[in-house]
Amino acid sequence: MMAIFAAVMSVMTHQAHAQGAGLGAAGELVDPDVLRVCADPSNMPFSDQSGEGFEDKLARIVAEATGRKSVAYTWFPSINGFVRNTLGSNRCDIIMGYAQGDELVQNTNAYYRSSYVLVYRKGGDLSGVETLADPKLKDKRIGVVEGTPPTANMAKAKLMGKAKVYPLMVDTRAMPSMAELAMRDMQSGAIDAAVLWGPMAGYYASRSGAEMTLVPLIHEKGGQRMIYRITMGVRPSDQSWKRTLNTFIKENQAKIDKLLLDYGVPLLDERDQRITQ
């Protein structure tokens, strides 16, 4: 799951980068020839050093559309310090997936909208459940990642007492993602359901070998926000670069949607309706 990070850039760092890499638009530090991407090296389905994440594939599409000759990566795990050590240090020019509304980066327009989802085995006694307040969940053991928005709703529904809580910050170079572990636990019977960020749930559910039901949590009453718009993150100073990316998103939305759907991402339109192929 995506973390939110802080970044502060100094004038000296700006000058050093400008001397070493050259400027894009006037006053901006974007490389005009290479799409320099900031990414986690082991964070499927988003990014991976193998190039198999959907953000990796999207980066190649962005590079071609914006006239870049190649894509280069600065790899750093999704832990505290990510922005500071990547975008904030001018080692790269774009974070491919970033939640809208955070002040640590400048957001482009959103290129997809998704939500946290409830995942359970298809055809079981949880069929028809659409909210975390449903009485059918009362005696179930539910997996959830600590500190994520659904934990507040689960606590309100008195579901945390039996919950299996997975850690939020993990280095996936050394261990599987929590979404992957939750799917394994569901298959083994260790948990009855899981509440996960939609793109991760969709990807691992489609590869679990079992039929799973994914229910976007769009009908929650109160609690924390479950639906998020995902953007590309750039430096606050890179206004021209942001406009270039906004144009790319507008002109390639159908292609982007297809890519995300191929990875099992549960896409939502502005009316909270599922987008399908």
C-alpha atoms as a PDB file:
ATOM      1  CA  MET A   1       0.000   0.000   0.000  1.00  0.00           C
ATOM      2  CA  MET A   2       1.074   3.389  -0.804  1.00  0.00           C
ATOM      3  CA  ALA A   3       2.756   5.446   2.103  1.00  0.00           C
ATOM      4  CA  ILE A   4       2.711   9.271   2.357  1.00  0.00           C
ATOM      5  CA  PHE A   5       6.052  10.905   2.740  1.00  0.00           C
ATOM      6  CA  ALA A   6       7.767  14.268   3.291  1.00  0.00           C
ATOM      7  CA  ALA A   7      10.204  16.129   1.029  1.00  0.00           C
ATOM      8  CA  VAL A   8      12.172  19.366   1.400  1.00  0.00           C
ATOM      9  CA  MET A   9      14.477  20.619  -1.388  1.00  0.00           C
ATOM     10  CA  SER A  10      17.388  23.005  -0.915  1.00  0.00           C
ATOM     11  CA  VAL A  11      18.704  25.647  -3.340  1.00  0.00           C
ATOM     12  CA  MET A  12      22.132  24.002  -3.387  1.00  0.00           C
ATOM     13  CA  THR A  13      20.633  20.666  -4.424  1.00  0.00           C
ATOM     14  CA  HIS A  14      18.700  22.399  -7.195  1.00  0.00           C
ATOM     15  CA  GLN A  15      21.887  24.012  -8.497  1.00  0.00           C
ATOM     16  CA  ALA A  16      23.912  20.810  -8.354  1.00  0.00           C
ATOM     17  CA  HIS A  17      21.274  18.892 -10.273  1.00  0.00           C
ATOM     18  CA  ALA A  18      20.948  21.627 -12.868  1.00  0.00           C
ATOM     19  CA  GLN A  19      24.684  21.517 -13.519  1.00  0.00           C
ATOM     20  CA  GLY A  20      24.756  17.723 -13.728  1.00  0.00           C
ATOM     21  CA  ALA A  21      21.590  16.866 -15.610  1.00  0.00           C
ATOM     22  CA  GLY A  22      20.373  19.999 -17.337  1.00  0.00           C
ATOM     23  CA  LEU A  23      17.013  21.739 -17.108  1.00  0.00           C
ATOM     24  CA  GLY A  24      13.706  20.902 -18.762  1.00  0.00           C
ATOM     25  CA  ALA A  25      11.283  23.833 -18.893  1.00  0.00           C
ATOM     26  CA  ALA A  26      12.636  27.131 -17.580  1.00  0.00           C
ATOM     27  CA  GLY A  27      13.369  26.838 -13.853  1.00  0.00           C
ATOM     28  CA  GLU A  28      12.434  23.167 -13.687  1.00  0.00           C
ATOM     29  CA  LEU A  29      14.710  20.236 -12.942  1.00  0.00           C
ATOM     30  CA  VAL A  30      13.020  17.608 -15.090  1.00  0.00           C
ATOM     31  CA  ASP A  31      15.270  15.607 -17.393  1.00  0.00           C
ATOM     32  CA  PRO A  32      14.046  16.256 -20.961  1.00  0.00           C
ATOM     33  CA  ASP A  33      15.449  13.012 -22.402  1.00  0.00           C
ATOM     34  CA  VAL A  34      14.974  10.345 -19.722  1.00  0.00           C
ATOM     35  CA  LEU A  35      11.855   9.609 -17.662  1.00  0.00           C
ATOM     36  CA  ARG A  36      13.416   9.369 -14.218  1.00  0.00           C
ATOM     37  CA  VAL A  37      11.036   7.416 -11.974  1.00  0.00           C
ATOM     38  CA  CYS A  38      11.019   7.136  -8.176  1.00  0.00           C
ATOM     39  CA  ALA A  39       9.744   3.683  -7.168  1.00  0.00           C
ATOM     40  CA  ASP A  40       9.746   0.842  -4.680  1.00  0.00           C
ATOM     41  CA  PRO A  41      11.833  -2.088  -6.022  1.00  0.00           C
ATOM     42  CA  SER A  42       9.483  -4.766  -4.662  1.00  0.00           C
ATOM     43  CA  ASN A  43       5.911  -3.558  -4.407  1.00  0.00           C
ATOM     44  CA  MET A  44       3.674  -5.543  -6.729  1.00  0.00           C
ATOM     45  CA  PRO A  45       1.313  -4.866  -8.350  1.00  0.00           C
ATOM     46  CA  PHE A  46       2.600  -1.278  -8.456  1.00  0.00           C
ATOM     47  CA  SER A  47       6.333  -1.452  -9.129  1.00  0.00           C
ATOM     48  CA  ASP A  48       9.124  -3.998  -9.199  1.00  0.00           C
ATOM     49  CA  GLN A  49      12.702  -4.170 -10.442  1.00  0.00           C
ATOM     50  CA  SER A  50      11.538  -6.819 -12.895  1.00  0.00           C
ATOM     51  CA  GLY A  51       9.454  -4.140 -14.632  1.00  0.00           C
ATOM     52  CA  GLU A  52       6.261  -6.168 -14.159  1.00  0.00           C
ATOM     53  CA  GLY A  53       4.282  -3.691 -12.046  1.00  0.00           C
ATOM     54  CA  PHE A  54       1.502  -1.697 -13.677  1.00  0.00           C
ATOM     55  CA  GLU A  55       3.240   1.537 -12.713  1.00  0.00           C
ATOM     56  CA  ASP A  56       6.362   0.295 -14.512  1.00  0.00           C
ATOM     57  CA  LYS A  57       4.355  -0.359 -17.648  1.00  0.00           C
ATOM     58  CA  LEU A  58       2.606   2.981 -17.328  1.00  0.00           C
ATOM     59  CA  ALA A  59       5.998   4.680 -17.025  1.00  0.00           C
ATOM     60  CA  ARG A  60       7.034   3.245 -20.380  1.00  0.00           C
ATOM     61  CA  ILE A  61       3.834   4.597 -21.946  1.00  0.00           C
ATOM     62  CA  VAL A  62       4.453   8.023 -20.399  1.00  0.00           C
ATOM     63  CA  ALA A  63       8.046   8.051 -21.652  1.00  0.00           C
ATOM     64  CA  GLU A  64       7.023   7.292 -25.214  1.00  0.00           C
ATOM     65  CA  ALA A  65       4.173   9.809 -25.201  1.00  0.00           C
ATOM     66  CA  THR A  66       6.320  12.630 -23.792  1.00  0.00           C
ATOM     67  CA  GLY A  67       9.264  12.087 -26.111  1.00  0.00           C
ATOM     68  CA  ARG A  68      11.662  10.523 -23.602  1.00  0.00           C
ATOM     69  CA  LYS A  69      14.269   8.186 -25.016  1.00  0.00           C
ATOM     70  CA  SER A  70      14.340   5.852 -22.024  1.00  0.00           C
ATOM     71  CA  VAL A  71      13.152   5.181 -18.464  1.00  0.00           C
ATOM     72  CA  ALA A  72      15.545   5.189 -15.503  1.00  0.00           C
ATOM     73  CA  TYR A  73      14.744   4.320 -11.888  1.00  0.00           C
ATOM     74  CA  THR A  74      15.735   5.463  -8.438  1.00  0.00           C
ATOM     75  CA  TRP A  75      14.728   2.558  -6.229  1.00  0.00           C
ATOM     76  CA  PHE A  76      13.783   3.071  -2.590  1.00  0.00           C
ATOM     77  CA  PRO A  77      11.393   1.048  -0.368  1.00  0.00           C
ATOM     78  CA  SER A  78       7.990   2.506   0.551  1.00  0.00           C
ATOM     79  CA  ILE A  79       9.005   3.485   4.065  1.00  0.00           C
ATOM     80  CA  ASN A  80       9.577   6.784   5.848  1.00  0.00           C
ATOM     81  CA  GLY A  81      11.980   8.916   3.842  1.00  0.00           C
ATOM     82  CA  PHE A  82      10.837   7.766   0.415  1.00  0.00           C
ATOM     83  CA  VAL A  83      10.110  11.241  -0.995  1.00  0.00           C
ATOM     84  CA  ARG A  84      13.086  12.822   0.759  1.00  0.00           C
ATOM     85  CA  ASN A  85      15.490  10.277  -0.727  1.00  0.00           C
ATOM     86  CA  THR A  86      14.032  10.250  -4.237  1.00  0.00           C
ATOM     87  CA  LEU A  87      11.981  13.135  -5.611  1.00  0.00           C
ATOM     88  CA  GLY A  88      13.130  15.515  -2.882  1.00  0.00           C
ATOM     89  CA  SER A  89      16.782  14.813  -3.633  1.00  0.00           C
ATOM     90  CA  ASN A  90      16.244  15.448  -7.369  1.00  0.00           C
ATOM     91  CA  ARG A  91      17.296  11.899  -8.177  1.00  0.00           C
ATOM     92  CA  CYS A  92      14.101  11.359 -10.176  1.00  0.00           C
ATOM     93  CA  ASP A  93      11.211  13.396 -11.570  1.00  0.00           C
ATOM     94  CA  ILE A  94       8.005  11.424 -11.018  1.00  0.00           C
ATOM     95  CA  ILE A  95       6.289   9.105  -8.550  1.00  0.00           C
ATOM     96  CA  MET A  96       3.904   7.055 -10.676  1.00  0.00           C
ATOM     97  CA  GLY A  97       1.212   6.542  -8.036  1.00  0.00           C
ATOM     98  CA  TYR A  98       0.408   9.024  -5.267  1.00  0.00           C
ATOM     99  CA  ALA A  99      -2.818   9.690  -3.356  1.00  0.00           C
ATOM    100  CA  GLN A 100      -4.420  13.034  -4.188  1.00  0.00           C
ATOM    101  CA  GLY A 101      -4.435  15.667  -1.489  1.00  0.00           C
ATOM    102  CA  ASP A 102      -1.122  15.083   0.243  1.00  0.00           C
ATOM    103  CA  GLU A 103       1.045  18.193   0.509  1.00  0.00           C
ATOM    104  CA  LEU A 104       4.439  16.496   0.233  1.00  0.00           C
ATOM    105  CA  VAL A 105       4.353  16.422  -3.555  1.00  0.00           C
ATOM    106  CA  GLN A 106       2.465  18.249  -6.271  1.00  0.00           C
ATOM    107  CA  ASN A 107      -0.317  16.081  -7.641  1.00  0.00           C
ATOM    108  CA  THR A 108      -1.263  15.738 -11.279  1.00  0.00           C
ATOM    109  CA  ASN A 109      -4.873  15.104 -12.175  1.00  0.00           C
ATOM    110  CA  ALA A 110      -6.015  11.700 -10.983  1.00  0.00           C
ATOM    111  CA  TYR A 111      -5.579   8.843 -13.447  1.00  0.00           C
ATOM    112  CA  TYR A 112      -7.635   6.370 -11.456  1.00  0.00           C
ATOM    113  CA  ARG A 113     -10.024   6.168  -8.535  1.00  0.00           C
ATOM    114  CA  SER A 114     -10.290   3.116  -6.303  1.00  0.00           C
ATOM    115  CA  SER A 115     -11.262   2.141  -2.775  1.00  0.00           C
ATOM    116  CA  TYR A 116     -10.573  -0.187   0.081  1.00  0.00           C
ATOM    117  CA  VAL A 117     -12.411  -3.452  -0.412  1.00  0.00           C
ATOM    118  CA  LEU A 118     -13.766  -6.338   1.608  1.00  0.00           C
ATOM    119  CA  VAL A 119     -12.487  -9.650   0.219  1.00  0.00           C
ATOM    120  CA  TYR A 120     -13.963 -13.057   0.968  1.00  0.00           C
ATOM    121  CA  ARG A 121     -14.358 -16.446  -0.688  1.00  0.00           C
ATOM    122  CA  LYS A 122     -17.075 -16.516  -3.301  1.00  0.00           C
ATOM    123  CA  GLY A 123     -20.171 -18.508  -2.420  1.00  0.00           C
ATOM    124  CA  GLY A 124     -19.658 -18.571   1.321  1.00  0.00           C
ATOM    125  CA  ASP A 125     -21.846 -17.282   4.137  1.00  0.00           C
ATOM    126  CA  LEU A 126     -20.613 -13.716   3.601  1.00  0.00           C
ATOM    127  CA  SER A 127     -22.340 -13.418   0.240  1.00  0.00           C
ATOM    128  CA  GLY A 128     -24.208 -10.144  -0.035  1.00  0.00           C
ATOM    129  CA  VAL A 129     -22.174  -8.281   2.598  1.00  0.00           C
ATOM    130  CA  GLU A 130     -21.535  -4.698   1.457  1.00  0.00           C
ATOM    131  CA  THR A 131     -20.527  -2.823   4.607  1.00  0.00           C
ATOM    132  CA  LEU A 132     -18.363  -3.469   7.650  1.00  0.00           C
ATOM    133  CA  ALA A 133     -21.427  -2.950   9.856  1.00  0.00           C
ATOM    134  CA  ASP A 134     -23.164  -6.027   8.423  1.00  0.00           C
ATOM    135  CA  PRO A 135     -24.105  -8.456  11.249  1.00  0.00           C
ATOM    136  CA  LYS A 136     -22.742 -11.371   9.190  1.00  0.00           C
ATOM    137  CA  LEU A 137     -19.221 -10.145  10.016  1.00  0.00           C
ATOM    138  CA  LYS A 138     -19.762 -10.088  13.775  1.00  0.00           C
ATOM    139  CA  ASP A 139     -18.070 -13.397  14.611  1.00  0.00           C
ATOM    140  CA  LYS A 140     -15.617 -13.451  11.699  1.00  0.00           C
ATOM    141  CA  ARG A 141     -11.865 -13.059  11.881  1.00  0.00           C
ATOM    142  CA  ILE A 142     -10.920 -10.315   9.443  1.00  0.00           C
ATOM    143  CA  GLY A 143      -7.447  -9.399   8.270  1.00  0.00           C
ATOM    144  CA  VAL A 144      -6.600  -5.704   8.085  1.00  0.00           C
ATOM    145  CA  VAL A 145      -3.426  -3.633   7.827  1.00  0.00           C
ATOM    146  CA  GLU A 146      -2.716  -1.537  10.924  1.00  0.00           C
ATOM    147  CA  GLY A 147      -3.365   2.165  10.711  1.00  0.00           C
ATOM    148  CA  THR A 148      -5.311   2.006   7.440  1.00  0.00           C
ATOM    149  CA  PRO A 149      -8.686   3.790   7.186  1.00  0.00           C
ATOM    150  CA  PRO A 150     -10.850   0.641   7.528  1.00  0.00           C
ATOM    151  CA  THR A 151      -9.545  -0.027  11.044  1.00  0.00           C
ATOM    152  CA  ALA A 152     -11.656   2.871  12.360  1.00  0.00           C
ATOM    153  CA  ASN A 153     -14.809   1.448  10.805  1.00  0.00           C
ATOM    154  CA  MET A 154     -13.963  -2.032  12.033  1.00  0.00           C
ATOM    155  CA  ALA A 155     -13.449  -0.706  15.554  1.00  0.00           C
ATOM    156  CA  LYS A 156     -16.821   1.051  15.410  1.00  0.00           C
ATOM    157  CA  ALA A 157     -18.441  -2.241  14.323  1.00  0.00           C
ATOM    158  CA  LYS A 158     -16.584  -4.076  17.130  1.00  0.00           C
ATOM    159  CA  LEU A 159     -14.673  -6.268  14.687  1.00  0.00           C
ATOM    160  CA  MET A 160     -11.134  -5.531  15.905  1.00  0.00           C
ATOM    161  CA  GLY A 161     -11.291  -7.909  18.852  1.00  0.00           C
ATOM    162  CA  LYS A 162     -10.935 -10.942  16.581  1.00  0.00           C
ATOM    163  CA  ALA A 163      -9.089  -9.221  13.744  1.00  0.00           C
ATOM    164  CA  LYS A 164      -5.706 -10.285  12.477  1.00  0.00           C
ATOM    165  CA  VAL A 165      -3.703  -7.079  12.156  1.00  0.00           C
ATOM    166  CA  TYR A 166      -0.828  -6.925   9.682  1.00  0.00           C
ATOM    167  CA  PRO A 167       1.980  -4.340   9.974  1.00  0.00           C
ATOM    168  CA  LEU A 168       1.742  -1.217   7.817  1.00  0.00           C
ATOM    169  CA  MET A 169       5.411  -0.510   7.149  1.00  0.00           C
ATOM    170  CA  VAL A 170       7.270  -3.506   5.762  1.00  0.00           C
ATOM    171  CA  ASP A 171      10.272  -3.811   3.483  1.00  0.00           C
ATOM    172  CA  THR A 172       8.887  -6.094   0.779  1.00  0.00           C
ATOM    173  CA  ARG A 173      12.396  -6.825  -0.445  1.00  0.00           C
ATOM    174  CA  ALA A 174      12.699  -9.049   2.628  1.00  0.00           C
ATOM    175  CA  MET A 175       9.132 -10.336   3.080  1.00  0.00           C
ATOM    176  CA  PRO A 176       5.858 -10.651   1.143  1.00  0.00           C
ATOM    177  CA  SER A 177       3.376  -7.787   1.051  1.00  0.00           C
ATOM    178  CA  MET A 178       0.640  -7.840   3.661  1.00  0.00           C
ATOM    179  CA  ALA A 179      -2.009  -8.230   0.957  1.00  0.00           C
ATOM    180  CA  GLU A 180      -0.288 -11.364  -0.286  1.00  0.00           C
ATOM    181  CA  LEU A 181      -0.066 -12.747   3.249  1.00  0.00           C
ATOM    182  CA  ALA A 182      -3.745 -11.992   3.853  1.00  0.00           C
ATOM    183  CA  MET A 183      -4.729 -13.952   0.749  1.00  0.00           C
ATOM    184  CA  ARG A 184      -2.628 -16.903   1.933  1.00  0.00           C
ATOM    185  CA  ASP A 185      -4.267 -16.729   5.355  1.00  0.00           C
ATOM    186  CA  MET A 186      -7.723 -16.692   3.774  1.00  0.00           C
ATOM    187  CA  GLN A 187      -6.915 -19.785   1.738  1.00  0.00           C
ATOM    188  CA  SER A 188      -5.595 -21.612   4.809  1.00  0.00           C
ATOM    189  CA  GLY A 189      -8.624 -20.649   6.891  1.00  0.00           C
ATOM    190  CA  ALA A 190      -6.642 -18.481   9.319  1.00  0.00           C
ATOM    191  CA  ILE A 191      -8.963 -15.561   8.503  1.00  0.00           C
ATOM    192  CA  ASP A 192     -12.471 -15.412   7.060  1.00  0.00           C
ATOM    193  CA  ALA A 193     -12.110 -12.178   5.114  1.00  0.00           C
ATOM    194  CA  ALA A 194      -9.750  -9.265   4.600  1.00  0.00           C
ATOM    195  CA  VAL A 195     -10.076  -5.509   4.191  1.00  0.00           C
ATOM    196  CA  LEU A 196      -7.380  -4.229   1.855  1.00  0.00           C
ATOM    197  CA  TRP A 197      -6.522  -1.438  -0.548  1.00  0.00           C
ATOM    198  CA  GLY A 198      -8.348  -2.318  -3.766  1.00  0.00           C
ATOM    199  CA  PRO A 199      -5.461  -2.504  -6.263  1.00  0.00           C
ATOM    200  CA  MET A 200      -3.519  -4.882  -4.021  1.00  0.00           C
ATOM    201  CA  ALA A 201      -6.571  -6.978  -3.192  1.00  0.00           C
ATOM    202  CA  GLY A 202      -7.572  -7.286  -6.843  1.00  0.00           C
ATOM    203  CA  TYR A 203      -4.122  -8.329  -7.970  1.00  0.00           C
ATOM    204  CA  TYR A 204      -3.520 -10.980  -5.320  1.00  0.00           C
ATOM    205  CA  ALA A 205      -7.095 -12.269  -5.394  1.00  0.00           C
ATOM    206  CA  SER A 206      -6.797 -12.920  -9.130  1.00  0.00           C
ATOM    207  CA  ARG A 207      -3.659 -14.967  -8.476  1.00  0.00           C
ATOM    208  CA  SER A 208      -4.852 -16.814  -5.385  1.00  0.00           C
ATOM    209  CA  GLY A 209      -6.170 -19.861  -7.208  1.00  0.00           C
ATOM    210  CA  ALA A 210      -9.553 -19.460  -5.481  1.00  0.00           C
ATOM    211  CA  GLU A 211     -12.666 -17.554  -6.479  1.00  0.00           C
ATOM    212  CA  MET A 212     -12.827 -14.396  -4.424  1.00  0.00           C
ATOM    213  CA  THR A 213     -15.454 -11.674  -4.092  1.00  0.00           C
ATOM    214  CA  LEU A 214     -14.215  -8.084  -3.875  1.00  0.00           C
ATOM    215  CA  VAL A 215     -16.668  -5.559  -2.454  1.00  0.00           C
ATOM    216  CA  PRO A 216     -15.633  -1.892  -2.733  1.00  0.00           C
ATOM    217  CA  LEU A 217     -16.443  -0.207   0.576  1.00  0.00           C
ATOM    218  CA  ILE A 218     -18.457   2.609  -0.946  1.00  0.00           C
ATOM    219  CA  HIS A 219     -21.479   2.333   1.362  1.00  0.00           C
ATOM    220  CA  GLU A 220     -19.782   2.969   4.695  1.00  0.00           C
ATOM    221  CA  LYS A 221     -21.658   5.297   7.052  1.00  0.00           C
ATOM    222  CA  GLY A 222     -19.220   7.623   8.793  1.00  0.00           C
ATOM    223  CA  GLY A 223     -15.713   6.630   9.737  1.00  0.00           C
ATOM    224  CA  GLN A 224     -12.750   7.369   7.515  1.00  0.00           C
ATOM    225  CA  ARG A 225     -12.634   7.875   3.775  1.00  0.00           C
ATOM    226  CA  MET A 226     -12.430   4.645   1.774  1.00  0.00           C
ATOM    227  CA  ILE A 227     -12.191   6.027  -1.772  1.00  0.00           C
ATOM    228  CA  TYR A 228      -9.065   7.711  -3.119  1.00  0.00           C
ATOM    229  CA  ARG A 229      -7.999   9.389  -6.338  1.00  0.00           C
ATOM    230  CA  ILE A 230      -4.521   8.355  -7.423  1.00  0.00           C
ATOM    231  CA  THR A 231      -2.284  10.803  -9.244  1.00  0.00           C
ATOM    232  CA  MET A 232       1.314  11.093 -10.361  1.00  0.00           C
ATOM    233  CA  GLY A 233       3.500  13.030  -7.921  1.00  0.00           C
ATOM    234  CA  VAL A 234       5.995  15.684  -9.052  1.00  0.00           C
ATOM    235  CA  ARG A 235       7.976  18.451  -7.356  1.00  0.00           C
ATOM    236  CA  PRO A 236       6.025  21.600  -6.431  1.00  0.00           C
ATOM    237  CA  SER A 237       8.300  23.644  -8.707  1.00  0.00           C
ATOM    238  CA  ASP A 238       7.624  21.545 -11.825  1.00  0.00           C
ATOM    239  CA  GLN A 239       4.494  23.249 -13.142  1.00  0.00           C
ATOM    240  CA  SER A 240       5.169  22.682 -16.842  1.00  0.00           C
ATOM    241  CA  TRP A 241       5.903  19.005 -16.204  1.00  0.00           C
ATOM    242  CA  LYS A 242       2.614  18.668 -14.321  1.00  0.00           C
ATOM    243  CA  ARG A 243       0.735  20.182 -17.267  1.00  0.00           C
ATOM    244  CA  THR A 244       2.461  17.788 -19.649  1.00  0.00           C
ATOM    245  CA  LEU A 245       1.391  14.833 -17.519  1.00  0.00           C
ATOM    246  CA  ASN A 246      -2.160  16.125 -17.199  1.00  0.00           C
ATOM    247  CA  THR A 247      -2.374  16.256 -20.986  1.00  0.00           C
ATOM    248  CA  PHE A 248      -1.014  12.719 -21.187  1.00  0.00           C
ATOM    249  CA  ILE A 249      -3.631  11.439 -18.726  1.00  0.00           C
ATOM    250  CA  LYS A 250      -6.480  13.130 -20.563  1.00  0.00           C
ATOM    251  CA  GLU A 251      -5.413  11.768 -23.941  1.00  0.00           C
ATOM    252  CA  ASN A 252      -4.655   8.229 -22.746  1.00  0.00           C
ATOM    253  CA  GLN A 253      -7.313   7.499 -20.115  1.00  0.00           C
ATOM    254  CA  ALA A 254      -8.799   4.532 -21.977  1.00  0.00           C
ATOM    255  CA  LYS A 255      -5.364   2.943 -22.357  1.00  0.00           C
ATOM    256  CA  ILE A 256      -4.627   3.548 -18.675  1.00  0.00           C
ATOM    257  CA  ASP A 257      -7.946   1.985 -17.615  1.00  0.00           C
ATOM    258  CA  LYS A 258      -7.247  -1.135 -19.666  1.00  0.00           C
ATOM    259  CA  LEU A 259      -3.813  -1.535 -18.106  1.00  0.00           C
ATOM    260  CA  LEU A 260      -5.206  -1.236 -14.584  1.00  0.00           C
ATOM    261  CA  LEU A 261      -8.103  -3.603 -15.244  1.00  0.00           C
ATOM    262  CA  ASP A 262      -5.651  -6.185 -16.582  1.00  0.00           C
ATOM    263  CA  TYR A 263      -4.064  -6.137 -13.106  1.00  0.00           C
ATOM    264  CA  GLY A 264      -7.383  -6.591 -11.330  1.00  0.00           C
ATOM    265  CA  VAL A 265      -7.613  -3.017 -10.026  1.00  0.00           C
ATOM    266  CA  PRO A 266     -11.218  -2.255  -8.965  1.00  0.00           C
ATOM    267  CA  LEU A 267     -11.777   1.056 -10.756  1.00  0.00           C
ATOM    268  CA  LEU A 268     -14.534   3.450  -9.742  1.00  0.00           C
ATOM    269  CA  ASP A 269     -15.957   6.334 -11.719  1.00  0.00           C
ATOM    270  CA  GLU A 270     -17.078   9.583 -10.081  1.00  0.00           C
ATOM    271  CA  ARG A 271     -20.497   8.046  -9.324  1.00  0.00           C
ATOM    272  CA  ASP A 272     -18.850   5.096  -7.524  1.00  0.00           C
ATOM    273  CA  GLN A 273     -19.803   2.699 -10.303  1.00  0.00           C
ATOM    274  CA  ARG A 274     -17.346  -0.034 -11.253  1.00  0.00           C
ATOM    275  CA  ILE A 275     -15.475   0.539 -14.510  1.00  0.00           C
ATOM    276  CA  THR A 276     -15.203  -2.670 -16.512  1.00  0.00           C
ATOM    277  CA  GLN A 277     -13.643  -3.664 -19.806  1.00  0.00           C
END
